């Protein structure tokens, strides 16, 4: 989402007229590192480091996994294991229903993936689980805090690969090229605090955006809030007081996945198509960044 914000800023500044903004992530292809190998190791054992955790899921300030901050968020916001599991189940339920109804077809570009028996076309997200249930989620063990933990593999996103991009232009360029914009960007903002407060940061970003735009949370027809963890979405929703019927109407990242570098553009893309599908006018997208920050961006259909 920050890439889209930078694109909008560049166009406003007159530095560009048309920019493709987005990102990608291959969590399944993240390498393992052996530090010090560039100059050679003469003797002794070496430790392999998981690049996915080291570069993507680790806070370098607090020296801990993001899952530990999710547990901190649950403690501070008073979000129970039952609340998190219920939220996760609902995310999967909505994502499965939306997939079966073809809600994502317009926003997904089918990709042929080579294989031993020929290419396989990937045209739907693989993560949503039709077979999940409240009972199944309740049986999972805590992943980051063995004693008294509430964050599990079931109420957090899986490990995903993904890519997403949007074309951002000036209105003059769109008209000159005969393009039909889906929406216009109305406002954007960044907010944040201490690294361990990362999952509360969307609250600050959204409030900063609303102050700039002169809006209230109820003014947005739909909201897409990235689900880094179920506890994060719950805590932010309680703080902002949004209408849950308007939030992640086709499921969120707990079900659809959170390929880190792709999630912001994916969330915004999903918001645009959901607004189109439901005849909504205004929408809000938000998600966390590393280091305790978050971003928010609002759009209006044209």
Protein backbone atom coordinates (compact mmCIF):
# COMPACT_ATOMS: atom_id res chain seq x y z
CA UNK A 1 0.00 0.00 0.00
CA UNK A 2 2.95 2.29 0.61
CA UNK A 3 3.90 1.80 -3.04
CA UNK A 4 0.48 3.12 -4.10
CA UNK A 5 0.90 6.09 -1.77
CA UNK A 6 4.32 6.85 -3.26
CA UNK A 7 2.84 6.58 -6.76
CA UNK A 8 0.10 9.06 -5.87
CA UNK A 9 2.65 11.45 -4.39
CA UNK A 10 4.87 11.26 -7.48
CA UNK A 11 1.93 11.97 -9.76
CA UNK A 12 0.78 14.88 -7.59
CA UNK A 13 4.31 16.30 -7.69
CA UNK A 14 4.33 16.13 -11.48
CA UNK A 15 7.15 13.59 -11.59
CA UNK A 16 5.05 10.96 -13.38
CA UNK A 17 1.69 10.45 -15.07
CA UNK A 18 1.31 6.69 -14.86
CA UNK A 19 2.85 4.26 -12.38
CA UNK A 20 2.37 0.55 -11.76
CA UNK A 21 2.50 0.07 -7.98
CA UNK A 22 2.47 -3.20 -6.10
CA UNK A 23 4.60 -5.94 -4.64
CA UNK A 24 5.25 -9.66 -4.44
CA UNK A 25 6.37 -12.27 -1.94
CA UNK A 26 7.45 -15.89 -2.25
CA UNK A 27 7.44 -17.12 1.32
CA UNK A 28 7.78 -20.71 0.14
CA UNK A 29 10.92 -19.74 -1.77
CA UNK A 30 12.59 -17.74 1.00
CA UNK A 31 16.14 -19.07 1.43
CA UNK A 32 18.04 -20.20 4.48
CA UNK A 33 21.22 -18.27 5.19
CA UNK A 34 24.59 -19.27 6.59
CA UNK A 35 26.25 -16.06 7.76
CA UNK A 36 29.95 -15.70 7.13
CA UNK A 37 30.11 -18.07 4.17
CA UNK A 38 31.01 -15.34 1.69
CA UNK A 39 34.56 -15.25 3.03
CA UNK A 40 34.69 -18.95 3.80
CA UNK A 41 34.58 -20.98 7.00
CA UNK A 42 37.72 -22.91 7.92
CA UNK A 43 36.37 -25.01 10.78
CA UNK A 44 33.47 -25.47 13.16
CA UNK A 45 29.71 -25.89 12.90
CA UNK A 46 27.54 -23.24 11.27
CA UNK A 47 23.91 -22.33 11.96
CA UNK A 48 21.36 -21.87 9.18
CA UNK A 49 19.01 -18.91 9.52
CA UNK A 50 15.46 -19.00 8.12
CA UNK A 51 15.33 -16.04 5.74
CA UNK A 52 11.55 -15.86 5.90
CA UNK A 53 11.64 -15.22 9.64
CA UNK A 54 14.88 -13.22 9.65
CA UNK A 55 13.79 -10.81 6.90
CA UNK A 56 10.02 -10.91 7.12
CA UNK A 57 8.60 -11.96 10.48
CA UNK A 58 11.25 -10.73 12.91
CA UNK A 59 11.33 -7.37 14.67
CA UNK A 60 14.94 -6.23 14.62
CA UNK A 61 14.27 -3.64 17.33
CA UNK A 62 12.71 -5.91 19.92
CA UNK A 63 14.50 -9.04 18.67
CA UNK A 64 11.40 -11.21 18.61
CA UNK A 65 8.89 -12.86 16.28
CA UNK A 66 5.77 -10.96 15.23
CA UNK A 67 3.75 -13.71 16.85
CA UNK A 68 5.06 -12.61 20.22
CA UNK A 69 3.73 -9.12 19.53
CA UNK A 70 0.40 -10.72 18.65
CA UNK A 71 0.37 -12.28 22.12
CA UNK A 72 1.23 -8.88 23.61
CA UNK A 73 -1.69 -7.38 21.68
CA UNK A 74 -4.07 -10.04 23.00
CA UNK A 75 -2.98 -9.30 26.58
CA UNK A 76 -3.22 -5.52 26.24
CA UNK A 77 -6.54 -5.48 24.37
CA UNK A 78 -8.10 -8.33 26.34
CA UNK A 79 -8.81 -10.48 23.29
CA UNK A 80 -9.54 -14.10 24.21
CA UNK A 81 -8.55 -17.28 22.39
CA UNK A 82 -12.23 -17.92 21.73
CA UNK A 83 -12.63 -14.49 20.11
CA UNK A 84 -9.62 -15.10 17.88
CA UNK A 85 -10.76 -18.55 16.80
CA UNK A 86 -14.27 -17.30 16.08
CA UNK A 87 -12.86 -14.48 13.98
CA UNK A 88 -10.59 -16.87 12.07
CA UNK A 89 -13.46 -19.24 11.36
CA UNK A 90 -15.55 -16.33 10.05
CA UNK A 91 -12.70 -15.19 7.80
CA UNK A 92 -12.45 -18.66 6.24
CA UNK A 93 -16.23 -18.96 5.94
CA UNK A 94 -16.52 -15.66 4.07
CA UNK A 95 -13.52 -16.38 1.84
CA UNK A 96 -14.81 -19.83 0.86
CA UNK A 97 -18.27 -18.44 0.11
CA UNK A 98 -16.80 -15.60 -1.96
CA UNK A 99 -14.56 -17.98 -3.90
CA UNK A 100 -17.42 -20.34 -4.68
CA UNK A 101 -19.56 -17.39 -5.79
CA UNK A 102 -16.82 -16.18 -8.13
CA UNK A 103 -16.30 -12.92 -6.27
CA UNK A 104 -12.52 -12.97 -6.83
CA UNK A 105 -12.49 -13.93 -10.52
CA UNK A 106 -12.27 -10.37 -11.82
CA UNK A 107 -9.31 -9.46 -9.60
CA UNK A 108 -7.21 -12.62 -10.06
CA UNK A 109 -5.03 -13.20 -13.11
CA UNK A 110 -4.72 -16.98 -13.65
CA UNK A 111 -1.08 -18.08 -13.59
CA UNK A 112 0.25 -21.27 -15.25
CA UNK A 113 2.70 -23.08 -12.98
CA UNK A 114 5.06 -25.62 -14.61
CA UNK A 115 5.00 -29.18 -13.30
CA UNK A 116 6.23 -32.69 -14.13
CA UNK A 117 2.87 -33.56 -15.69
CA UNK A 118 2.51 -30.23 -17.46
CA UNK A 119 1.47 -26.76 -16.31
CA UNK A 120 -1.23 -26.26 -13.69
CA UNK A 121 -3.25 -23.06 -13.81
CA UNK A 122 -3.66 -21.34 -10.47
CA UNK A 123 -6.82 -19.23 -10.63
CA UNK A 124 -8.03 -19.21 -7.01
CA UNK A 125 -6.37 -18.65 -3.66
CA UNK A 126 -5.29 -21.91 -2.05
CA UNK A 127 -5.46 -20.88 1.61
CA UNK A 128 -9.20 -20.68 2.45
CA UNK A 129 -10.20 -23.89 4.19
CA UNK A 130 -13.66 -25.22 3.57
CA UNK A 131 -13.09 -28.00 6.09
CA UNK A 132 -12.20 -25.81 9.07
CA UNK A 133 -14.49 -25.53 12.07
CA UNK A 134 -14.61 -23.93 15.49
CA UNK A 135 -13.82 -27.34 17.01
CA UNK A 136 -10.76 -27.83 14.78
CA UNK A 137 -9.41 -24.38 15.58
CA UNK A 138 -9.94 -24.91 19.31
CA UNK A 139 -7.72 -28.03 19.28
CA UNK A 140 -4.65 -26.22 17.94
CA UNK A 141 -1.81 -25.48 20.35
CA UNK A 142 -0.45 -21.95 20.91
CA UNK A 143 2.41 -21.24 18.51
CA UNK A 144 4.37 -18.55 20.31
CA UNK A 145 3.64 -18.87 24.02
CA UNK A 146 3.30 -22.40 25.33
CA UNK A 147 1.78 -21.49 28.69
CA UNK A 148 -1.34 -19.37 28.40
CA UNK A 149 -0.82 -18.38 24.78
CA UNK A 150 -3.77 -17.70 22.48
CA UNK A 151 -2.23 -17.18 19.03
CA UNK A 152 -2.20 -20.36 16.94
CA UNK A 153 -1.56 -21.43 13.38
CA UNK A 154 -5.33 -21.37 12.94
CA UNK A 155 -6.02 -17.78 13.94
CA UNK A 156 -3.05 -16.42 11.99
CA UNK A 157 -2.38 -16.38 8.23
CA UNK A 158 -0.45 -19.23 6.66
CA UNK A 159 2.78 -18.97 4.68
CA UNK A 160 1.89 -17.75 1.22
CA UNK A 161 3.21 -16.71 -2.16
CA UNK A 162 1.52 -13.86 -3.96
CA UNK A 163 1.79 -10.77 -6.13
CA UNK A 164 -0.48 -7.81 -6.72
CA UNK A 165 -0.28 -4.53 -8.62
CA UNK A 166 -2.40 -1.53 -9.53
CA UNK A 167 -2.09 1.12 -12.24
CA UNK A 168 -2.12 4.63 -10.75
CA UNK A 169 -2.48 7.59 -13.12
CA UNK A 170 -3.42 11.24 -13.21
CA UNK A 171 -6.97 11.96 -14.37
CA UNK A 172 -5.62 13.77 -17.43
CA UNK A 173 -3.52 10.75 -18.45
CA UNK A 174 -6.44 8.37 -17.97
CA UNK A 175 -8.68 10.51 -20.16
CA UNK A 176 -6.02 10.91 -22.84
CA UNK A 177 -5.51 7.14 -22.99
CA UNK A 178 -9.21 6.34 -22.97
CA UNK A 179 -8.99 4.57 -19.62
CA UNK A 180 -11.90 4.10 -17.23
CA UNK A 181 -10.63 4.50 -13.65
CA UNK A 182 -12.19 2.30 -10.97
CA UNK A 183 -11.73 4.91 -8.25
CA UNK A 184 -9.82 7.98 -7.16
CA UNK A 185 -7.53 8.14 -4.15
CA UNK A 186 -9.04 10.57 -1.65
CA UNK A 187 -6.56 10.44 1.25
CA UNK A 188 -3.73 8.47 2.80
CA UNK A 189 -1.75 8.53 6.02
CA UNK A 190 0.88 6.76 8.08
CA UNK A 191 0.81 6.18 11.82
CA UNK A 192 2.84 4.28 14.35
CA UNK A 193 4.55 3.98 17.69
CA UNK A 194 6.81 1.57 19.54
CA UNK A 195 7.63 -1.60 17.57
CA UNK A 196 5.70 -3.83 20.00
CA UNK A 197 2.61 -1.66 19.38
CA UNK A 198 2.63 -2.58 15.69
CA UNK A 199 -0.78 -4.21 15.70
CA UNK A 200 -2.39 -1.10 17.17
CA UNK A 201 -0.73 1.11 14.55
CA UNK A 202 -3.60 0.84 12.00
CA UNK A 203 -5.75 2.70 14.53
CA UNK A 204 -3.32 5.63 14.44
CA UNK A 205 -3.04 5.56 10.64
CA UNK A 206 -6.80 5.46 10.13
CA UNK A 207 -7.38 8.27 12.62
CA UNK A 208 -4.72 10.38 10.90
CA UNK A 209 -6.38 9.74 7.54
CA UNK A 210 -9.83 10.63 8.82
CA UNK A 211 -8.51 13.86 10.32
CA UNK A 212 -7.00 14.81 6.96
CA UNK A 213 -10.12 13.84 5.01
CA UNK A 214 -12.66 15.17 7.50
CA UNK A 215 -14.43 11.81 7.68
CA UNK A 216 -15.66 9.37 10.30
CA UNK A 217 -15.32 5.60 10.30
CA UNK A 218 -19.01 5.20 9.48
CA UNK A 219 -18.61 7.20 6.27
CA UNK A 220 -16.91 4.28 4.50
CA UNK A 221 -19.14 1.77 2.76
CA UNK A 222 -16.50 -0.97 2.94
CA UNK A 223 -13.25 -1.46 4.83
CA UNK A 224 -10.43 -3.85 4.01
CA UNK A 225 -8.15 -4.30 7.02
CA UNK A 226 -5.29 -6.72 6.58
CA UNK A 227 -5.47 -9.56 9.09
CA UNK A 228 -1.85 -9.98 10.16
CA UNK A 229 -3.36 -11.98 13.02
CA UNK A 230 -6.98 -12.35 14.09
CA UNK A 231 -6.16 -10.58 17.35
CA UNK A 232 -4.88 -7.53 15.46
CA UNK A 233 -8.08 -7.13 13.45
CA UNK A 234 -10.23 -7.56 16.55
CA UNK A 235 -8.22 -5.08 18.63
CA UNK A 236 -8.22 -2.44 15.89
CA UNK A 237 -11.91 -2.88 15.18
CA UNK A 238 -12.82 -2.45 18.82
CA UNK A 239 -10.70 0.69 19.09
CA UNK A 240 -12.03 2.28 15.89
CA UNK A 241 -15.60 1.14 16.42
CA UNK A 242 -16.20 0.08 12.85
CA UNK A 243 -19.26 -1.82 11.64
CA UNK A 244 -18.08 -5.42 11.27
CA UNK A 245 -20.63 -6.01 8.51
CA UNK A 246 -18.59 -3.66 6.32
CA UNK A 247 -15.15 -5.11 7.07
CA UNK A 248 -13.40 -7.76 4.95
CA UNK A 249 -16.72 -8.82 3.49
CA UNK A 250 -15.11 -11.58 1.40
CA UNK A 251 -12.76 -12.79 4.10
CA UNK A 252 -9.33 -11.52 5.03
CA UNK A 253 -5.70 -12.52 5.29
CA UNK A 254 -6.26 -15.18 7.96
CA UNK A 255 -8.03 -17.11 5.20
CA UNK A 256 -6.63 -15.61 1.99
CA UNK A 257 -3.03 -15.36 3.17
CA UNK A 258 -0.53 -12.62 3.94
CA UNK A 259 2.36 -12.75 1.44
CA UNK A 260 4.07 -9.80 3.09
CA UNK A 261 5.26 -7.70 0.16
CA UNK A 262 2.04 -8.22 -1.81
CA UNK A 263 -0.59 -7.68 0.88
CA UNK A 264 -1.08 -3.92 0.64
CA UNK A 265 -1.83 -3.91 -3.07
CA UNK A 266 -3.96 -7.06 -2.65
CA UNK A 267 -6.05 -5.48 0.09
CA UNK A 268 -6.67 -2.36 -2.01
CA UNK A 269 -7.47 -4.40 -5.12
CA UNK A 270 -9.97 -6.51 -3.19
CA UNK A 271 -11.54 -3.33 -1.79
CA UNK A 272 -12.01 -1.83 -5.26
CA UNK A 273 -13.71 -4.92 -6.65
CA UNK A 274 -15.87 -5.39 -3.55
CA UNK A 275 -17.09 -1.79 -3.85
CA UNK A 276 -17.88 -2.41 -7.50
CA UNK A 277 -19.68 -5.66 -6.74
CA UNK A 278 -21.78 -4.20 -3.93
CA UNK A 279 -22.41 -0.80 -5.45
CA UNK A 280 -20.52 1.02 -2.72
CA UNK A 281 -19.03 4.46 -3.13
CA UNK A 282 -16.25 4.97 -0.60
CA UNK A 283 -13.74 2.55 0.87
CA UNK A 284 -10.85 2.37 3.31
CA UNK A 285 -7.82 0.06 3.26
CA UNK A 286 -5.27 -0.33 6.04
CA UNK A 287 -2.46 -2.63 7.17
CA UNK A 288 0.58 -2.76 9.44
CA UNK A 289 4.18 -2.17 8.44
CA UNK A 290 7.33 -3.37 10.11
CA UNK A 291 8.86 -1.37 12.93
CA UNK A 292 5.59 -0.40 14.59
CA UNK A 293 4.02 1.52 11.70
CA UNK A 294 0.87 1.22 9.62
CA UNK A 295 -0.66 2.86 6.57
CA UNK A 296 -4.21 3.69 5.52
CA UNK A 297 -5.64 4.82 2.20
CA UNK A 298 -9.17 5.78 1.18
CA UNK A 299 -10.81 5.71 -2.24
CA UNK A 300 -14.00 6.84 -3.91
CA UNK A 301 -15.49 5.12 -6.93
CA UNK A 302 -15.78 7.18 -10.09
